[in-house]
Amino acid sequence: TEKTPETVSGEAGSSMQEEENRRQAYTENTRISEVISDPAFGEYG
């Protein structure tokens, strides 16, 4: 609601979201099993 360090962080988060939108490792055709076993998630996938 106002310009604070937290707000600046939020703006950085928005930039990260835009970057995420450009980095789409998964698509609707990705197999569910591939997501579950992705090493990025470790045991909690």
All heavy atoms as atom14 arrays in JSON, in Angstrom:
{
  "sequence": "TEKTPETVSGEAGSSMQEEENRRQAYTENTRISEVISDPAFGEYG",
  "atom14_mask": [
    [1, 1, 1, 1, 1, 1, 1, 0, 0, 0, 0, 0, 0, 0],
    [1, 1, 1, 1, 1, 1, 1, 1, 1, 0, 0, 0, 0, 0],
    [1, 1, 1, 1, 1, 1, 1, 1, 1, 0, 0, 0, 0, 0],
    [1, 1, 1, 1, 1, 1, 1, 0, 0, 0, 0, 0, 0, 0],
    [1, 1, 1, 1, 1, 1, 1, 0, 0, 0, 0, 0, 0, 0],
    [1, 1, 1, 1, 1, 1, 1, 1, 1, 0, 0, 0, 0, 0],
    [1, 1, 1, 1, 1, 1, 1, 0, 0, 0, 0, 0, 0, 0],
    [1, 1, 1, 1, 1, 1, 1, 0, 0, 0, 0, 0, 0, 0],
    [1, 1, 1, 1, 1, 1, 0, 0, 0, 0, 0, 0, 0, 0],
    [1, 1, 1, 1, 0, 0, 0, 0, 0, 0, 0, 0, 0, 0],
    [1, 1, 1, 1, 1, 1, 1, 1, 1, 0, 0, 0, 0, 0],
    [1, 1, 1, 1, 1, 0, 0, 0, 0, 0, 0, 0, 0, 0],
    [1, 1, 1, 1, 0, 0, 0, 0, 0, 0, 0, 0, 0, 0],
    [1, 1, 1, 1, 1, 1, 0, 0, 0, 0, 0, 0, 0, 0],
    [1, 1, 1, 1, 1, 1, 0, 0, 0, 0, 0, 0, 0, 0],
    [1, 1, 1, 1, 1, 1, 1, 1, 0, 0, 0, 0, 0, 0],
    [1, 1, 1, 1, 1, 1, 1, 1, 1, 0, 0, 0, 0, 0],
    [1, 1, 1, 1, 1, 1, 1, 1, 1, 0, 0, 0, 0, 0],
    [1, 1, 1, 1, 1, 1, 1, 1, 1, 0, 0, 0, 0, 0],
    [1, 1, 1, 1, 1, 1, 1, 1, 1, 0, 0, 0, 0, 0],
    [1, 1, 1, 1, 1, 1, 1, 1, 0, 0, 0, 0, 0, 0],
    [1, 1, 1, 1, 1, 1, 1, 1, 1, 1, 1, 0, 0, 0],
    [1, 1, 1, 1, 1, 1, 1, 1, 1, 1, 1, 0, 0, 0],
    [1, 1, 1, 1, 1, 1, 1, 1, 1, 0, 0, 0, 0, 0],
    [1, 1, 1, 1, 1, 0, 0, 0, 0, 0, 0, 0, 0, 0],
    [1, 1, 1, 1, 1, 1, 1, 1, 1, 1, 1, 1, 0, 0],
    [1, 1, 1, 1, 1, 1, 1, 0, 0, 0, 0, 0, 0, 0],
    [1, 1, 1, 1, 1, 1, 1, 1, 1, 0, 0, 0, 0, 0],
    [1, 1, 1, 1, 1, 1, 1, 1, 0, 0, 0, 0, 0, 0],
    [1, 1, 1, 1, 1, 1, 1, 0, 0, 0, 0, 0, 0, 0],
    [1, 1, 1, 1, 1, 1, 1, 1, 1, 1, 1, 0, 0, 0],
    [1, 1, 1, 1, 1, 1, 1, 1, 0, 0, 0, 0, 0, 0],
    [1, 1, 1, 1, 1, 1, 0, 0, 0, 0, 0, 0, 0, 0],
    [1, 1, 1, 1, 1, 1, 1, 1, 1, 0, 0, 0, 0, 0],
    [1, 1, 1, 1, 1, 1, 1, 0, 0, 0, 0, 0, 0, 0],
    [1, 1, 1, 1, 1, 1, 1, 1, 0, 0, 0, 0, 0, 0],
    [1, 1, 1, 1, 1, 1, 0, 0, 0, 0, 0, 0, 0, 0],
    [1, 1, 1, 1, 1, 1, 1, 1, 0, 0, 0, 0, 0, 0],
    [1, 1, 1, 1, 1, 1, 1, 0, 0, 0, 0, 0, 0, 0],
    [1, 1, 1, 1, 1, 0, 0, 0, 0, 0, 0, 0, 0, 0],
    [1, 1, 1, 1, 1, 1, 1, 1, 1, 1, 1, 0, 0, 0],
    [1, 1, 1, 1, 0, 0, 0, 0, 0, 0, 0, 0, 0, 0],
    [1, 1, 1, 1, 1, 1, 1, 1, 1, 0, 0, 0, 0, 0],
    [1, 1, 1, 1, 1, 1, 1, 1, 1, 1, 1, 1, 0, 0],
    [1, 1, 1, 1, 0, 0, 0, 0, 0, 0, 0, 0, 0, 0]
  ],
  "atom14_positions": [
    [[0.82, -1.21, 0.0], [0.0, 0.0, 0.0], [0.85, 1.26, 0.0], [0.35, 2.35, -0.25], [-0.93, 0.03, 1.22], [-0.13, -0.1, 2.4], [-1.94, -1.1, 1.15], [0.0, 0.0, 0.0], [0.0, 0.0, 0.0], [0.0, 0.0, 0.0], [0.0, 0.0, 0.0], [0.0, 0.0, 0.0], [0.0, 0.0, 0.0], [0.0, 0.0, 0.0]],
    [[2.14, 1.13, 0.31], [3.01, 2.27, 0.23], [4.42, 1.79, -0.07], [4.73, 0.61, 0.06], [2.98, 3.08, 1.52], [3.34, 2.26, 2.76], [3.18, 3.08, 4.03], [2.05, 3.48, 4.33], [4.19, 3.32, 4.7], [0.0, 0.0, 0.0], [0.0, 0.0, 0.0], [0.0, 0.0, 0.0], [0.0, 0.0, 0.0], [0.0, 0.0, 0.0]],
    [[5.3, 2.71, -0.45], [6.66, 2.33, -0.83], [7.49, 2.04, 0.42], [7.95, 2.95, 1.11], [7.33, 3.44, -1.65], [6.79, 3.55, -3.06], [7.25, 2.38, -3.91], [6.76, 2.52, -5.34], [7.2, 1.41, -6.18], [0.0, 0.0, 0.0], [0.0, 0.0, 0.0], [0.0, 0.0, 0.0], [0.0, 0.0, 0.0], [0.0, 0.0, 0.0]],
    [[7.65, 0.77, 0.73], [8.47, 0.32, 1.84], [9.46, -0.69, 1.29], [9.33, -1.14, 0.14], [7.6, -0.36, 2.92], [7.04, -1.54, 2.34], [6.49, 0.57, 3.39], [0.0, 0.0, 0.0], [0.0, 0.0, 0.0], [0.0, 0.0, 0.0], [0.0, 0.0, 0.0], [0.0, 0.0, 0.0], [0.0, 0.0, 0.0], [0.0, 0.0, 0.0]],
    [[10.44, -1.11, 2.09], [11.33, -2.18, 1.61], [10.57, -3.42, 1.2], [10.94, -4.11, 0.25], [12.23, -2.43, 2.82], [12.27, -1.13, 3.55], [10.89, -0.56, 3.37], [0.0, 0.0, 0.0], [0.0, 0.0, 0.0], [0.0, 0.0, 0.0], [0.0, 0.0, 0.0], [0.0, 0.0, 0.0], [0.0, 0.0, 0.0], [0.0, 0.0, 0.0]],
    [[9.47, -3.69, 1.92], [8.66, -4.85, 1.57], [8.02, -4.69, 0.21], [7.92, -5.63, -0.58], [7.58, -5.09, 2.64], [8.13, -5.57, 3.99], [8.67, -4.44, 4.84], [8.56, -3.26, 4.43], [9.23, -4.74, 5.92], [0.0, 0.0, 0.0], [0.0, 0.0, 0.0], [0.0, 0.0, 0.0], [0.0, 0.0, 0.0], [0.0, 0.0, 0.0]],
    [[7.57, -3.45, -0.1], [6.96, -3.2, -1.39], [7.97, -3.37, -2.51], [7.67, -3.95, -3.55], [6.37, -1.77, -1.43], [5.45, -1.63, -0.36], [5.66, -1.52, -2.75], [0.0, 0.0, 0.0], [0.0, 0.0, 0.0], [0.0, 0.0, 0.0], [0.0, 0.0, 0.0], [0.0, 0.0, 0.0], [0.0, 0.0, 0.0], [0.0, 0.0, 0.0]],
    [[9.18, -2.86, -2.28], [10.23, -3.02, -3.27], [10.49, -4.49, -3.52], [10.66, -4.95, -4.65], [11.51, -2.31, -2.8], [12.65, -2.6, -3.76], [11.28, -0.8, -2.72], [0.0, 0.0, 0.0], [0.0, 0.0, 0.0], [0.0, 0.0, 0.0], [0.0, 0.0, 0.0], [0.0, 0.0, 0.0], [0.0, 0.0, 0.0], [0.0, 0.0, 0.0]],
    [[10.48, -5.28, -2.41], [10.65, -6.72, -2.56], [9.53, -7.31, -3.38], [9.73, -8.2, -4.2], [10.69, -7.39, -1.17], [10.7, -8.78, -1.29], [0.0, 0.0, 0.0], [0.0, 0.0, 0.0], [0.0, 0.0, 0.0], [0.0, 0.0, 0.0], [0.0, 0.0, 0.0], [0.0, 0.0, 0.0], [0.0, 0.0, 0.0], [0.0, 0.0, 0.0]],
    [[8.3, -6.8, -3.16], [7.17, -7.29, -3.93], [7.32, -7.01, -5.4], [6.96, -7.83, -6.25], [0.0, 0.0, 0.0], [0.0, 0.0, 0.0], [0.0, 0.0, 0.0], [0.0, 0.0, 0.0], [0.0, 0.0, 0.0], [0.0, 0.0, 0.0], [0.0, 0.0, 0.0], [0.0, 0.0, 0.0], [0.0, 0.0, 0.0], [0.0, 0.0, 0.0]],
    [[7.87, -5.82, -5.72], [8.09, -5.48, -7.11], [9.13, -6.41, -7.73], [9.01, -6.83, -8.88], [8.52, -4.03, -7.23], [7.4, -3.05, -6.87], [7.88, -1.61, -6.82], [9.12, -1.41, -6.83], [7.04, -0.71, -6.75], [0.0, 0.0, 0.0], [0.0, 0.0, 0.0], [0.0, 0.0, 0.0], [0.0, 0.0, 0.0], [0.0, 0.0, 0.0]],
    [[10.15, -6.76, -6.9], [11.15, -7.71, -7.38], [10.5, -9.06, -7.61], [10.82, -9.78, -8.56], [12.28, -7.83, -6.36], [0.0, 0.0, 0.0], [0.0, 0.0, 0.0], [0.0, 0.0, 0.0], [0.0, 0.0, 0.0], [0.0, 0.0, 0.0], [0.0, 0.0, 0.0], [0.0, 0.0, 0.0], [0.0, 0.0, 0.0], [0.0, 0.0, 0.0]],
    [[9.53, -9.38, -6.72], [8.81, -10.64, -6.89], [8.01, -10.67, -8.17], [7.9, -11.69, -8.84], [0.0, 0.0, 0.0], [0.0, 0.0, 0.0], [0.0, 0.0, 0.0], [0.0, 0.0, 0.0], [0.0, 0.0, 0.0], [0.0, 0.0, 0.0], [0.0, 0.0, 0.0], [0.0, 0.0, 0.0], [0.0, 0.0, 0.0], [0.0, 0.0, 0.0]],
    [[7.46, -9.5, -8.55], [6.7, -9.42, -9.79], [7.62, -9.66, -10.98], [7.24, -10.31, -11.96], [6.04, -8.04, -9.91], [5.1, -7.86, -8.87], [0.0, 0.0, 0.0], [0.0, 0.0, 0.0], [0.0, 0.0, 0.0], [0.0, 0.0, 0.0], [0.0, 0.0, 0.0], [0.0, 0.0, 0.0], [0.0, 0.0, 0.0], [0.0, 0.0, 0.0]],
    [[8.84, -9.13, -10.89], [9.8, -9.35, -11.96], [10.15, -10.83, -12.06], [10.29, -11.38, -13.16], [11.08, -8.53, -11.71], [10.79, -7.15, -11.72], [0.0, 0.0, 0.0], [0.0, 0.0, 0.0], [0.0, 0.0, 0.0], [0.0, 0.0, 0.0], [0.0, 0.0, 0.0], [0.0, 0.0, 0.0], [0.0, 0.0, 0.0], [0.0, 0.0, 0.0]],
    [[10.27, -11.48, -10.89], [10.57, -12.9, -10.9], [9.42, -13.68, -11.51], [9.62, -14.65, -12.24], [10.84, -13.4, -9.48], [11.27, -14.85, -9.42], [11.84, -15.34, -7.79], [12.38, -17.02, -8.15], [0.0, 0.0, 0.0], [0.0, 0.0, 0.0], [0.0, 0.0, 0.0], [0.0, 0.0, 0.0], [0.0, 0.0, 0.0], [0.0, 0.0, 0.0]],
    [[8.18, -13.22, -11.23], [7.02, -13.9, -11.81], [7.04, -13.77, -13.33], [6.74, -14.74, -14.05], [5.72, -13.28, -11.26], [4.45, -13.94, -11.77], [4.33, -15.37, -11.32], [4.53, -15.68, -10.15], [4.0, -16.26, -12.24], [0.0, 0.0, 0.0], [0.0, 0.0, 0.0], [0.0, 0.0, 0.0], [0.0, 0.0, 0.0], [0.0, 0.0, 0.0]],
    [[7.41, -12.59, -13.83], [7.51, -12.41, -15.27], [8.56, -13.34, -15.86], [8.39, -13.91, -16.94], [7.83, -10.96, -15.58], [6.7, -9.99, -15.24], [7.11, -8.54, -15.4], [8.28, -8.3, -15.8], [6.29, -7.65, -15.13], [0.0, 0.0, 0.0], [0.0, 0.0, 0.0], [0.0, 0.0, 0.0], [0.0, 0.0, 0.0], [0.0, 0.0, 0.0]],
    [[9.69, -13.48, -15.12], [10.75, -14.36, -15.59], [10.25, -15.81, -15.58], [10.56, -16.59, -16.5], [11.98, -14.22, -14.68], [13.13, -15.15, -15.04], [13.71, -14.92, -16.43], [13.5, -13.81, -16.97], [14.34, -15.83, -16.97], [0.0, 0.0, 0.0], [0.0, 0.0, 0.0], [0.0, 0.0, 0.0], [0.0, 0.0, 0.0], [0.0, 0.0, 0.0]],
    [[9.48, -16.18, -14.54], [8.93, -17.53, -14.48], [8.04, -17.82, -15.68], [8.06, -18.92, -16.24], [8.12, -17.71, -13.2], [8.97, -17.87, -11.95], [8.11, -18.09, -10.73], [6.9, -18.36, -10.9], [8.63, -18.01, -9.62], [0.0, 0.0, 0.0], [0.0, 0.0, 0.0], [0.0, 0.0, 0.0], [0.0, 0.0, 0.0], [0.0, 0.0, 0.0]],
    [[7.25, -16.83, -16.07], [6.36, -17.02, -17.21], [7.13, -17.32, -18.49], [6.61, -17.95, -19.41], [5.48, -15.78, -17.4], [4.48, -15.62, -16.27], [4.15, -16.57, -15.57], [4.01, -14.39, -16.08], [0.0, 0.0, 0.0], [0.0, 0.0, 0.0], [0.0, 0.0, 0.0], [0.0, 0.0, 0.0], [0.0, 0.0, 0.0], [0.0, 0.0, 0.0]],
    [[8.38, -16.84, -18.53], [9.21, -17.11, -19.71], [9.9, -18.46, -19.62], [10.4, -18.98, -20.6], [10.24, -15.99, -19.87], [9.64, -14.65, -20.31], [10.74, -13.69, -20.72], [11.53, -13.23, -19.58], [11.23, -12.16, -18.86], [10.17, -11.43, -19.17], [11.99, -11.8, -17.85], [0.0, 0.0, 0.0], [0.0, 0.0, 0.0], [0.0, 0.0, 0.0]],
    [[9.98, -19.0, -18.38], [10.67, -20.26, -18.17], [9.64, -21.34, -17.83], [9.38, -21.62, -16.68], [11.7, -20.14, -17.05], [12.88, -19.25, -17.41], [13.93, -19.24, -16.32], [13.47, -18.53, -15.14], [13.57, -19.01, -13.9], [14.09, -20.19, -13.68], [13.15, -18.29, -12.88], [0.0, 0.0, 0.0], [0.0, 0.0, 0.0], [0.0, 0.0, 0.0]],
    [[9.05, -21.92, -18.83], [8.02, -22.92, -18.64], [8.59, -24.3, -18.91], [8.56, -24.79, -20.04], [6.83, -22.63, -19.56], [6.15, -21.3, -19.3], [5.36, -21.31, -17.99], [4.46, -22.12, -17.8], [5.69, -20.41, -17.09], [0.0, 0.0, 0.0], [0.0, 0.0, 0.0], [0.0, 0.0, 0.0], [0.0, 0.0, 0.0], [0.0, 0.0, 0.0]],
    [[9.13, -24.91, -17.87], [9.7, -26.26, -18.03], [8.61, -27.29, -18.28], [8.82, -28.27, -19.0], [10.5, -26.64, -16.79], [0.0, 0.0, 0.0], [0.0, 0.0, 0.0], [0.0, 0.0, 0.0], [0.0, 0.0, 0.0], [0.0, 0.0, 0.0], [0.0, 0.0, 0.0], [0.0, 0.0, 0.0], [0.0, 0.0, 0.0], [0.0, 0.0, 0.0]],
    [[7.45, -27.06, -17.68], [6.33, -27.98, -17.82], [5.25, -27.38, -18.73], [5.07, -26.16, -18.76], [5.69, -28.28, -16.47], [6.62, -28.82, -15.42], [6.64, -28.25, -14.14], [7.46, -29.91, -15.66], [7.47, -28.75, -13.15], [8.29, -30.41, -14.67], [8.29, -29.83, -13.42], [9.12, -30.32, -12.44], [0.0, 0.0, 0.0], [0.0, 0.0, 0.0]],
    [[4.53, -28.23, -19.41], [3.39, -27.82, -20.22], [2.21, -28.75, -19.89], [2.35, -29.67, -19.07], [3.7, -27.94, -21.72], [3.79, -29.34, -22.07], [5.01, -27.23, -22.07], [0.0, 0.0, 0.0], [0.0, 0.0, 0.0], [0.0, 0.0, 0.0], [0.0, 0.0, 0.0], [0.0, 0.0, 0.0], [0.0, 0.0, 0.0], [0.0, 0.0, 0.0]],
    [[1.1, -28.51, -20.52], [-0.05, -29.36, -20.28], [0.2, -30.79, -20.74], [-0.49, -31.72, -20.31], [-1.3, -28.79, -20.98], [-1.8, -27.49, -20.36], [-3.12, -27.03, -20.94], [-3.8, -27.86, -21.61], [-3.47, -25.84, -20.76], [0.0, 0.0, 0.0], [0.0, 0.0, 0.0], [0.0, 0.0, 0.0], [0.0, 0.0, 0.0], [0.0, 0.0, 0.0]],
    [[1.19, -30.98, -21.58], [1.52, -32.33, -22.07], [2.53, -33.06, -21.18], [2.83, -34.23, -21.42], [2.06, -32.25, -23.49], [1.01, -31.78, -24.48], [-0.17, -32.15, -24.37], [1.41, -30.95, -25.43], [0.0, 0.0, 0.0], [0.0, 0.0, 0.0], [0.0, 0.0, 0.0], [0.0, 0.0, 0.0], [0.0, 0.0, 0.0], [0.0, 0.0, 0.0]],
    [[3.04, -32.37, -20.17], [4.0, -33.0, -19.26], [3.3, -34.08, -18.43], [2.21, -33.85, -17.9], [4.63, -31.96, -18.31], [5.28, -30.95, -19.08], [5.63, -32.62, -17.37], [0.0, 0.0, 0.0], [0.0, 0.0, 0.0], [0.0, 0.0, 0.0], [0.0, 0.0, 0.0], [0.0, 0.0, 0.0], [0.0, 0.0, 0.0], [0.0, 0.0, 0.0]],
    [[3.95, -35.21, -18.29], [3.37, -36.3, -17.5], [3.46, -35.97, -16.02], [4.45, -35.42, -15.53], [4.09, -37.62, -17.79], [3.93, -38.09, -19.24], [4.57, -39.45, -19.47], [3.84, -40.5, -18.75], [2.76, -41.11, -19.24], [2.26, -40.76, -20.43], [2.15, -42.05, -18.55], [0.0, 0.0, 0.0], [0.0, 0.0, 0.0], [0.0, 0.0, 0.0]],
    [[2.41, -36.31, -15.29], [2.36, -36.07, -13.85], [3.52, -36.78, -13.16], [4.15, -36.24, -12.24], [1.01, -36.53, -13.29], [-0.12, -35.63, -13.83], [1.01, -36.52, -11.76], [-1.52, -36.12, -13.52], [0.0, 0.0, 0.0], [0.0, 0.0, 0.0], [0.0, 0.0, 0.0], [0.0, 0.0, 0.0], [0.0, 0.0, 0.0], [0.0, 0.0, 0.0]],
    [[3.82, -37.99, -13.61], [4.92, -38.75, -13.02], [6.25, -38.03, -13.16], [7.14, -38.16, -12.31], [5.0, -40.14, -13.66], [5.2, -40.05, -15.06], [0.0, 0.0, 0.0], [0.0, 0.0, 0.0], [0.0, 0.0, 0.0], [0.0, 0.0, 0.0], [0.0, 0.0, 0.0], [0.0, 0.0, 0.0], [0.0, 0.0, 0.0], [0.0, 0.0, 0.0]],
    [[6.41, -37.26, -14.24], [7.64, -36.5, -14.46], [7.81, -35.41, -13.42], [8.92, -35.14, -12.94], [7.64, -35.91, -15.86], [8.88, -35.11, -16.22], [8.81, -34.51, -17.61], [8.08, -35.06, -18.46], [9.49, -33.48, -17.84], [0.0, 0.0, 0.0], [0.0, 0.0, 0.0], [0.0, 0.0, 0.0], [0.0, 0.0, 0.0], [0.0, 0.0, 0.0]],
    [[6.7, -34.77, -13.06], [6.74, -33.73, -12.03], [7.07, -34.35, -10.67], [7.93, -33.85, -9.93], [5.4, -32.97, -11.96], [5.43, -31.93, -10.84], [5.09, -32.31, -13.3], [0.0, 0.0, 0.0], [0.0, 0.0, 0.0], [0.0, 0.0, 0.0], [0.0, 0.0, 0.0], [0.0, 0.0, 0.0], [0.0, 0.0, 0.0], [0.0, 0.0, 0.0]],
    [[6.4, -35.43, -10.34], [6.6, -36.07, -9.05], [8.05, -36.49, -8.84], [8.6, -36.34, -7.75], [5.67, -37.3, -8.91], [4.2, -36.84, -8.84], [6.03, -38.14, -7.69], [3.2, -37.98, -8.88], [0.0, 0.0, 0.0], [0.0, 0.0, 0.0], [0.0, 0.0, 0.0], [0.0, 0.0, 0.0], [0.0, 0.0, 0.0], [0.0, 0.0, 0.0]],
    [[8.69, -36.97, -9.9], [10.06, -37.48, -9.8], [11.13, -36.44, -10.12], [12.32, -36.77, -10.12], [10.23, -38.69, -10.72], [10.02, -38.33, -12.08], [0.0, 0.0, 0.0], [0.0, 0.0, 0.0], [0.0, 0.0, 0.0], [0.0, 0.0, 0.0], [0.0, 0.0, 0.0], [0.0, 0.0, 0.0], [0.0, 0.0, 0.0], [0.0, 0.0, 0.0]],
    [[10.73, -35.2, -10.37], [11.69, -34.16, -10.71], [12.68, -33.97, -9.56], [12.28, -33.73, -8.42], [10.96, -32.85, -11.0], [11.86, -31.82, -11.66], [13.03, -31.68, -11.27], [11.37, -31.13, -12.58], [0.0, 0.0, 0.0], [0.0, 0.0, 0.0], [0.0, 0.0, 0.0], [0.0, 0.0, 0.0], [0.0, 0.0, 0.0], [0.0, 0.0, 0.0]],
    [[13.99, -34.05, -9.82], [14.99, -33.87, -8.76], [14.89, -32.53, -8.04], [15.33, -32.41, -6.89], [16.32, -33.98, -9.52], [16.0, -34.78, -10.74], [14.61, -34.38, -11.12], [0.0, 0.0, 0.0], [0.0, 0.0, 0.0], [0.0, 0.0, 0.0], [0.0, 0.0, 0.0], [0.0, 0.0, 0.0], [0.0, 0.0, 0.0], [0.0, 0.0, 0.0]],
    [[14.3, -31.54, -8.67], [14.16, -30.22, -8.03], [13.35, -30.3, -6.75], [13.54, -29.51, -5.82], [13.5, -29.23, -9.0], [0.0, 0.0, 0.0], [0.0, 0.0, 0.0], [0.0, 0.0, 0.0], [0.0, 0.0, 0.0], [0.0, 0.0, 0.0], [0.0, 0.0, 0.0], [0.0, 0.0, 0.0], [0.0, 0.0, 0.0], [0.0, 0.0, 0.0]],
    [[12.44, -31.29, -6.68], [11.54, -31.39, -5.54], [12.01, -32.39, -4.48], [11.45, -32.42, -3.38], [10.14, -31.77, -6.01], [9.54, -30.79, -6.98], [8.97, -31.22, -8.17], [9.58, -29.43, -6.72], [8.43, -30.32, -9.07], [9.03, -28.52, -7.62], [8.46, -28.97, -8.8], [0.0, 0.0, 0.0], [0.0, 0.0, 0.0], [0.0, 0.0, 0.0]],
    [[12.98, -33.2, -4.82], [13.46, -34.16, -3.83], [12.35, -35.11, -3.4], [11.49, -35.5, -4.19], [0.0, 0.0, 0.0], [0.0, 0.0, 0.0], [0.0, 0.0, 0.0], [0.0, 0.0, 0.0], [0.0, 0.0, 0.0], [0.0, 0.0, 0.0], [0.0, 0.0, 0.0], [0.0, 0.0, 0.0], [0.0, 0.0, 0.0], [0.0, 0.0, 0.0]],
    [[12.35, -35.45, -2.11], [11.42, -36.45, -1.6], [9.98, -35.94, -1.51], [9.05, -36.73, -1.42], [11.87, -36.93, -0.22], [13.19, -37.7, -0.24], [13.56, -38.23, 1.12], [12.79, -37.96, 2.09], [14.59, -38.92, 1.24], [0.0, 0.0, 0.0], [0.0, 0.0, 0.0], [0.0, 0.0, 0.0], [0.0, 0.0, 0.0], [0.0, 0.0, 0.0]],
    [[9.78, -34.61, -1.52], [8.43, -34.1, -1.34], [7.65, -33.97, -2.65], [6.48, -33.57, -2.65], [8.43, -32.76, -0.6], [9.19, -31.64, -1.27], [8.59, -30.88, -2.27], [10.48, -31.33, -0.9], [9.27, -29.84, -2.89], [11.18, -30.28, -1.51], [10.56, -29.54, -2.5], [11.23, -28.52, -3.11], [0.0, 0.0, 0.0], [0.0, 0.0, 0.0]],
    [[8.28, -34.31, -3.77], [7.56, -34.25, -5.05], [6.31, -35.11, -5.04], [5.31, -34.78, -5.69], [0.0, 0.0, 0.0], [0.0, 0.0, 0.0], [0.0, 0.0, 0.0], [0.0, 0.0, 0.0], [0.0, 0.0, 0.0], [0.0, 0.0, 0.0], [0.0, 0.0, 0.0], [0.0, 0.0, 0.0], [0.0, 0.0, 0.0], [0.0, 0.0, 0.0]]
  ]
}
